[in-house]
Amino acid sequence: GVKQVLVKRGEQGSVLVTQDAPPIIQPAILAPIVLDTTGAGDTFTAAFAVGFLEKKSSSDSLKFA
């Protein structure tokens, strides 16, 4: 079954829900100027995956993303 669900919430940050721990809420880091959001979600997901593959904790992977 599903062990983790990562929800991207735009300006409201992100939430990681797992089977065996309380949800981890990561506030968004707002940039003073946004030129283009193309690829932002893909980049976020890739960064989380890198943290996961490097054996970082779920919390640290989320912060890295």
PDB file of N, CA and C in Angstrom:
ATOM      1  N   GLY A   1       0.799  -1.180   0.000  1.00  0.00           N
ATOM      2  CA  GLY A   1       0.000   0.000   0.000  1.00  0.00           C
ATOM      3  C   GLY A   1       0.854   1.261   0.000  1.00  0.00           C
ATOM      4  N   VAL A   2       0.187   2.352   0.002  1.00  0.00           N
ATOM      5  CA  VAL A   2       0.840   3.663  -0.012  1.00  0.00           C
ATOM      6  C   VAL A   2       1.446   3.934   1.361  1.00  0.00           C
ATOM      7  N   LYS A   3       2.717   4.330   1.381  1.00  0.00           N
ATOM      8  CA  LYS A   3       3.396   4.602   2.648  1.00  0.00           C
ATOM      9  C   LYS A   3       3.549   6.089   2.921  1.00  0.00           C
ATOM     10  N   GLN A   4       3.607   6.895   1.858  1.00  0.00           N
ATOM     11  CA  GLN A   4       3.764   8.340   2.016  1.00  0.00           C
ATOM     12  C   GLN A   4       2.944   9.057   0.953  1.00  0.00           C
ATOM     13  N   VAL A   5       2.385  10.199   1.343  1.00  0.00           N
ATOM     14  CA  VAL A   5       1.705  11.077   0.397  1.00  0.00           C
ATOM     15  C   VAL A   5       2.271  12.475   0.601  1.00  0.00           C
ATOM     16  N   LEU A   6       2.793  13.048  -0.461  1.00  0.00           N
ATOM     17  CA  LEU A   6       3.358  14.394  -0.427  1.00  0.00           C
ATOM     18  C   LEU A   6       2.401  15.324  -1.159  1.00  0.00           C
ATOM     19  N   VAL A   7       1.915  16.337  -0.451  1.00  0.00           N
ATOM     20  CA  VAL A   7       0.954  17.276  -1.026  1.00  0.00           C
ATOM     21  C   VAL A   7       1.605  18.642  -1.135  1.00  0.00           C
ATOM     22  N   LYS A   8       1.688  19.152  -2.366  1.00  0.00           N
ATOM     23  CA  LYS A   8       2.221  20.497  -2.600  1.00  0.00           C
ATOM     24  C   LYS A   8       1.042  21.455  -2.585  1.00  0.00           C
ATOM     25  N   ARG A   9       1.169  22.542  -1.815  1.00  0.00           N
ATOM     26  CA  ARG A   9       0.055  23.471  -1.637  1.00  0.00           C
ATOM     27  C   ARG A   9       0.404  24.887  -2.080  1.00  0.00           C
ATOM     28  N   GLY A  10       1.326  25.027  -3.007  1.00  0.00           N
ATOM     29  CA  GLY A  10       1.687  26.340  -3.531  1.00  0.00           C
ATOM     30  C   GLY A  10       2.189  27.274  -2.448  1.00  0.00           C
ATOM     31  N   GLU A  11       1.597  28.436  -2.370  1.00  0.00           N
ATOM     32  CA  GLU A  11       2.015  29.449  -1.397  1.00  0.00           C
ATOM     33  C   GLU A  11       1.780  29.019   0.050  1.00  0.00           C
ATOM     34  N   GLN A  12       1.024  27.962   0.249  1.00  0.00           N
ATOM     35  CA  GLN A  12       0.743  27.476   1.604  1.00  0.00           C
ATOM     36  C   GLN A  12       1.716  26.380   2.037  1.00  0.00           C
ATOM     37  N   GLY A  13       2.730  26.116   1.226  1.00  0.00           N
ATOM     38  CA  GLY A  13       3.748  25.140   1.600  1.00  0.00           C
ATOM     39  C   GLY A  13       3.412  23.738   1.151  1.00  0.00           C
ATOM     40  N   SER A  14       3.779  22.767   1.973  1.00  0.00           N
ATOM     41  CA  SER A  14       3.557  21.369   1.625  1.00  0.00           C
ATOM     42  C   SER A  14       3.324  20.556   2.892  1.00  0.00           C
ATOM     43  N   VAL A  15       2.761  19.372   2.682  1.00  0.00           N
ATOM     44  CA  VAL A  15       2.476  18.466   3.794  1.00  0.00           C
ATOM     45  C   VAL A  15       2.893  17.062   3.370  1.00  0.00           C
ATOM     46  N   LEU A  16       3.567  16.370   4.271  1.00  0.00           N
ATOM     47  CA  LEU A  16       3.921  14.970   4.048  1.00  0.00           C
ATOM     48  C   LEU A  16       3.160  14.132   5.065  1.00  0.00           C
ATOM     49  N   VAL A  17       2.353  13.201   4.565  1.00  0.00           N
ATOM     50  CA  VAL A  17       1.571  12.321   5.425  1.00  0.00           C
ATOM     51  C   VAL A  17       2.131  10.911   5.272  1.00  0.00           C
ATOM     52  N   THR A  18       2.449  10.281   6.406  1.00  0.00           N
ATOM     53  CA  THR A  18       2.958   8.911   6.396  1.00  0.00           C
ATOM     54  C   THR A  18       2.079   8.030   7.268  1.00  0.00           C
ATOM     55  N   GLN A  19       2.246   6.727   7.117  1.00  0.00           N
ATOM     56  CA  GLN A  19       1.439   5.775   7.889  1.00  0.00           C
ATOM     57  C   GLN A  19       1.771   5.783   9.372  1.00  0.00           C
ATOM     58  N   ASP A  20       3.032   6.025   9.696  1.00  0.00           N
ATOM     59  CA  ASP A  20       3.474   5.787  11.069  1.00  0.00           C
ATOM     60  C   ASP A  20       3.902   7.032  11.841  1.00  0.00           C
ATOM     61  N   ALA A  21       3.526   8.216  11.356  1.00  0.00           N
ATOM     62  CA  ALA A  21       3.925   9.447  12.054  1.00  0.00           C
ATOM     63  C   ALA A  21       2.893  10.538  11.784  1.00  0.00           C
ATOM     64  N   PRO A  22       2.872  11.550  12.642  1.00  0.00           N
ATOM     65  CA  PRO A  22       1.974  12.676  12.378  1.00  0.00           C
ATOM     66  C   PRO A  22       2.387  13.390  11.089  1.00  0.00           C
ATOM     67  N   PRO A  23       1.457  14.089  10.448  1.00  0.00           N
ATOM     68  CA  PRO A  23       1.806  14.835   9.232  1.00  0.00           C
ATOM     69  C   PRO A  23       2.923  15.844   9.506  1.00  0.00           C
ATOM     70  N   ILE A  24       3.785  16.027   8.520  1.00  0.00           N
ATOM     71  CA  ILE A  24       4.852  17.023   8.603  1.00  0.00           C
ATOM     72  C   ILE A  24       4.445  18.186   7.715  1.00  0.00           C
ATOM     73  N   ILE A  25       4.318  19.356   8.314  1.00  0.00           N
ATOM     74  CA  ILE A  25       3.917  20.555   7.575  1.00  0.00           C
ATOM     75  C   ILE A  25       5.150  21.412   7.345  1.00  0.00           C
ATOM     76  N   GLN A  26       5.400  21.764   6.089  1.00  0.00           N
ATOM     77  CA  GLN A  26       6.534  22.614   5.732  1.00  0.00           C
ATOM     78  C   GLN A  26       5.986  23.907   5.126  1.00  0.00           C
ATOM     79  N   PRO A  27       6.158  25.039   5.816  1.00  0.00           N
ATOM     80  CA  PRO A  27       5.703  26.308   5.247  1.00  0.00           C
ATOM     81  C   PRO A  27       6.472  26.634   3.967  1.00  0.00           C
ATOM     82  N   ALA A  28       5.829  27.368   3.096  1.00  0.00           N
ATOM     83  CA  ALA A  28       6.489  27.808   1.864  1.00  0.00           C
ATOM     84  C   ALA A  28       7.539  28.861   2.192  1.00  0.00           C
ATOM     85  N   ILE A  29       8.584  28.878   1.401  1.00  0.00           N
ATOM     86  CA  ILE A  29       9.581  29.941   1.485  1.00  0.00           C
ATOM     87  C   ILE A  29       9.260  30.893   0.343  1.00  0.00           C
ATOM     88  N   LEU A  30       8.738  32.039   0.688  1.00  0.00           N
ATOM     89  CA  LEU A  30       8.260  32.962  -0.336  1.00  0.00           C
ATOM     90  C   LEU A  30       9.398  33.805  -0.896  1.00  0.00           C
ATOM     91  N   ALA A  31       9.436  33.882  -2.198  1.00  0.00           N
ATOM     92  CA  ALA A  31      10.440  34.698  -2.886  1.00  0.00           C
ATOM     93  C   ALA A  31       9.893  36.113  -3.053  1.00  0.00           C
ATOM     94  N   PRO A  32      10.757  37.127  -2.960  1.00  0.00           N
ATOM     95  CA  PRO A  32      10.274  38.499  -3.118  1.00  0.00           C
ATOM     96  C   PRO A  32       9.739  38.772  -4.523  1.00  0.00           C
ATOM     97  N   ILE A  33      10.339  38.130  -5.525  1.00  0.00           N
ATOM     98  CA  ILE A  33       9.891  38.305  -6.910  1.00  0.00           C
ATOM     99  C   ILE A  33       9.815  36.924  -7.560  1.00  0.00           C
ATOM    100  N   VAL A  34       8.678  36.622  -8.176  1.00  0.00           N
ATOM    101  CA  VAL A  34       8.518  35.363  -8.899  1.00  0.00           C
ATOM    102  C   VAL A  34       8.415  35.695 -10.381  1.00  0.00           C
ATOM    103  N   LEU A  35       9.365  35.198 -11.160  1.00  0.00           N
ATOM    104  CA  LEU A  35       9.367  35.477 -12.592  1.00  0.00           C
ATOM    105  C   LEU A  35       8.553  34.456 -13.370  1.00  0.00           C
ATOM    106  N   ASP A  36       8.661  33.193 -12.990  1.00  0.00           N
ATOM    107  CA  ASP A  36       7.984  32.134 -13.736  1.00  0.00           C
ATOM    108  C   ASP A  36       7.914  30.893 -12.852  1.00  0.00           C
ATOM    109  N   THR A  37       6.752  30.290 -12.757  1.00  0.00           N
ATOM    110  CA  THR A  37       6.602  29.105 -11.910  1.00  0.00           C
ATOM    111  C   THR A  37       6.690  27.798 -12.699  1.00  0.00           C
ATOM    112  N   THR A  38       6.980  27.892 -13.989  1.00  0.00           N
ATOM    113  CA  THR A  38       7.080  26.693 -14.819  1.00  0.00           C
ATOM    114  C   THR A  38       8.122  25.732 -14.244  1.00  0.00           C
ATOM    115  N   GLY A  39       7.725  24.521 -13.999  1.00  0.00           N
ATOM    116  CA  GLY A  39       8.643  23.501 -13.499  1.00  0.00           C
ATOM    117  C   GLY A  39       8.857  23.509 -11.997  1.00  0.00           C
ATOM    118  N   ALA A  40       8.203  24.418 -11.285  1.00  0.00           N
ATOM    119  CA  ALA A  40       8.420  24.506  -9.834  1.00  0.00           C
ATOM    120  C   ALA A  40       8.004  23.220  -9.122  1.00  0.00           C
ATOM    121  N   GLY A  41       6.867  22.674  -9.487  1.00  0.00           N
ATOM    122  CA  GLY A  41       6.399  21.438  -8.857  1.00  0.00           C
ATOM    123  C   GLY A  41       7.293  20.254  -9.176  1.00  0.00           C
ATOM    124  N   ASP A  42       7.743  20.180 -10.424  1.00  0.00           N
ATOM    125  CA  ASP A  42       8.650  19.098 -10.818  1.00  0.00           C
ATOM    126  C   ASP A  42       9.966  19.195 -10.051  1.00  0.00           C
ATOM    127  N   THR A  43      10.471  20.410  -9.895  1.00  0.00           N
ATOM    128  CA  THR A  43      11.722  20.620  -9.166  1.00  0.00           C
ATOM    129  C   THR A  43      11.556  20.238  -7.700  1.00  0.00           C
ATOM    130  N   PHE A  44      10.431  20.617  -7.113  1.00  0.00           N
ATOM    131  CA  PHE A  44      10.137  20.274  -5.721  1.00  0.00           C
ATOM    132  C   PHE A  44      10.125  18.757  -5.529  1.00  0.00           C
ATOM    133  N   THR A  45       9.408  18.064  -6.411  1.00  0.00           N
ATOM    134  CA  THR A  45       9.309  16.612  -6.315  1.00  0.00           C
ATOM    135  C   THR A  45      10.671  15.950  -6.496  1.00  0.00           C
ATOM    136  N   ALA A  46      11.451  16.438  -7.453  1.00  0.00           N
ATOM    137  CA  ALA A  46      12.788  15.885  -7.685  1.00  0.00           C
ATOM    138  C   ALA A  46      13.689  16.099  -6.471  1.00  0.00           C
ATOM    139  N   ALA A  47      13.628  17.278  -5.870  1.00  0.00           N
ATOM    140  CA  ALA A  47      14.458  17.562  -4.695  1.00  0.00           C
ATOM    141  C   ALA A  47      14.061  16.655  -3.525  1.00  0.00           C
ATOM    142  N   PHE A  48      12.764  16.440  -3.339  1.00  0.00           N
ATOM    143  CA  PHE A  48      12.320  15.528  -2.283  1.00  0.00           C
ATOM    144  C   PHE A  48      12.836  14.116  -2.557  1.00  0.00           C
ATOM    145  N   ALA A  49      12.754  13.674  -3.804  1.00  0.00           N
ATOM    146  CA  ALA A  49      13.222  12.337  -4.175  1.00  0.00           C
ATOM    147  C   ALA A  49      14.723  12.182  -3.924  1.00  0.00           C
ATOM    148  N   VAL A  50      15.500  13.214  -4.226  1.00  0.00           N
ATOM    149  CA  VAL A  50      16.946  13.168  -3.968  1.00  0.00           C
ATOM    150  C   VAL A  50      17.201  12.986  -2.473  1.00  0.00           C
ATOM    151  N   GLY A  51      16.510  13.763  -1.645  1.00  0.00           N
ATOM    152  CA  GLY A  51      16.668  13.617  -0.200  1.00  0.00           C
ATOM    153  C   GLY A  51      16.312  12.218   0.265  1.00  0.00           C
ATOM    154  N   PHE A  52      15.226  11.690  -0.266  1.00  0.00           N
ATOM    155  CA  PHE A  52      14.782  10.337   0.087  1.00  0.00           C
ATOM    156  C   PHE A  52      15.835   9.301  -0.310  1.00  0.00           C
ATOM    157  N   LEU A  53      16.359   9.415  -1.532  1.00  0.00           N
ATOM    158  CA  LEU A  53      17.359   8.457  -2.020  1.00  0.00           C
ATOM    159  C   LEU A  53      18.689   8.570  -1.279  1.00  0.00           C
ATOM    160  N   GLU A  54      18.967   9.757  -0.734  1.00  0.00           N
ATOM    161  CA  GLU A  54      20.182   9.951   0.061  1.00  0.00           C
ATOM    162  C   GLU A  54      19.975   9.535   1.515  1.00  0.00           C
ATOM    163  N   LYS A  55      18.836   8.896   1.792  1.00  0.00           N
ATOM    164  CA  LYS A  55      18.513   8.368   3.125  1.00  0.00           C
ATOM    165  C   LYS A  55      18.318   9.455   4.176  1.00  0.00           C
ATOM    166  N   LYS A  56      17.920  10.660   3.732  1.00  0.00           N
ATOM    167  CA  LYS A  56      17.586  11.710   4.693  1.00  0.00           C
ATOM    168  C   LYS A  56      16.244  11.349   5.338  1.00  0.00           C
ATOM    169  N   SER A  57      15.980  11.910   6.489  1.00  0.00           N
ATOM    170  CA  SER A  57      14.680  11.683   7.121  1.00  0.00           C
ATOM    171  C   SER A  57      13.594  12.326   6.261  1.00  0.00           C
ATOM    172  N   SER A  58      12.364  11.925   6.491  1.00  0.00           N
ATOM    173  CA  SER A  58      11.252  12.523   5.744  1.00  0.00           C
ATOM    174  C   SER A  58      11.211  14.025   5.959  1.00  0.00           C
ATOM    175  N   SER A  59      11.415  14.451   7.203  1.00  0.00           N
ATOM    176  CA  SER A  59      11.404  15.876   7.525  1.00  0.00           C
ATOM    177  C   SER A  59      12.526  16.614   6.803  1.00  0.00           C
ATOM    178  N   ASP A  60      13.731  16.050   6.815  1.00  0.00           N
ATOM    179  CA  ASP A  60      14.860  16.698   6.145  1.00  0.00           C
ATOM    180  C   ASP A  60      14.690  16.704   4.627  1.00  0.00           C
ATOM    181  N   SER A  61      14.112  15.651   4.074  1.00  0.00           N
ATOM    182  CA  SER A  61      13.848  15.617   2.632  1.00  0.00           C
ATOM    183  C   SER A  61      12.861  16.711   2.250  1.00  0.00           C
ATOM    184  N   LEU A  62      11.859  16.910   3.094  1.00  0.00           N
ATOM    185  CA  LEU A  62      10.862  17.945   2.830  1.00  0.00           C
ATOM    186  C   LEU A  62      11.482  19.333   2.922  1.00  0.00           C
ATOM    187  N   LYS A  63      12.321  19.552   3.902  1.00  0.00           N
ATOM    188  CA  LYS A  63      13.004  20.844   4.027  1.00  0.00           C
ATOM    189  C   LYS A  63      13.938  21.086   2.849  1.00  0.00           C
ATOM    190  N   PHE A  64      14.629  20.031   2.391  1.00  0.00           N
ATOM    191  CA  PHE A  64      15.536  20.137   1.251  1.00  0.00           C
ATOM    192  C   PHE A  64      14.774  20.548  -0.004  1.00  0.00           C
ATOM    193  N   ALA A  65      13.563  19.997  -0.153  1.00  0.00           N
ATOM    194  CA  ALA A  65      12.753  20.312  -1.335  1.00  0.00           C
ATOM    195  C   ALA A  65      12.291  21.747  -1.292  1.00  0.00           C
TER     196      ALA A  65
END
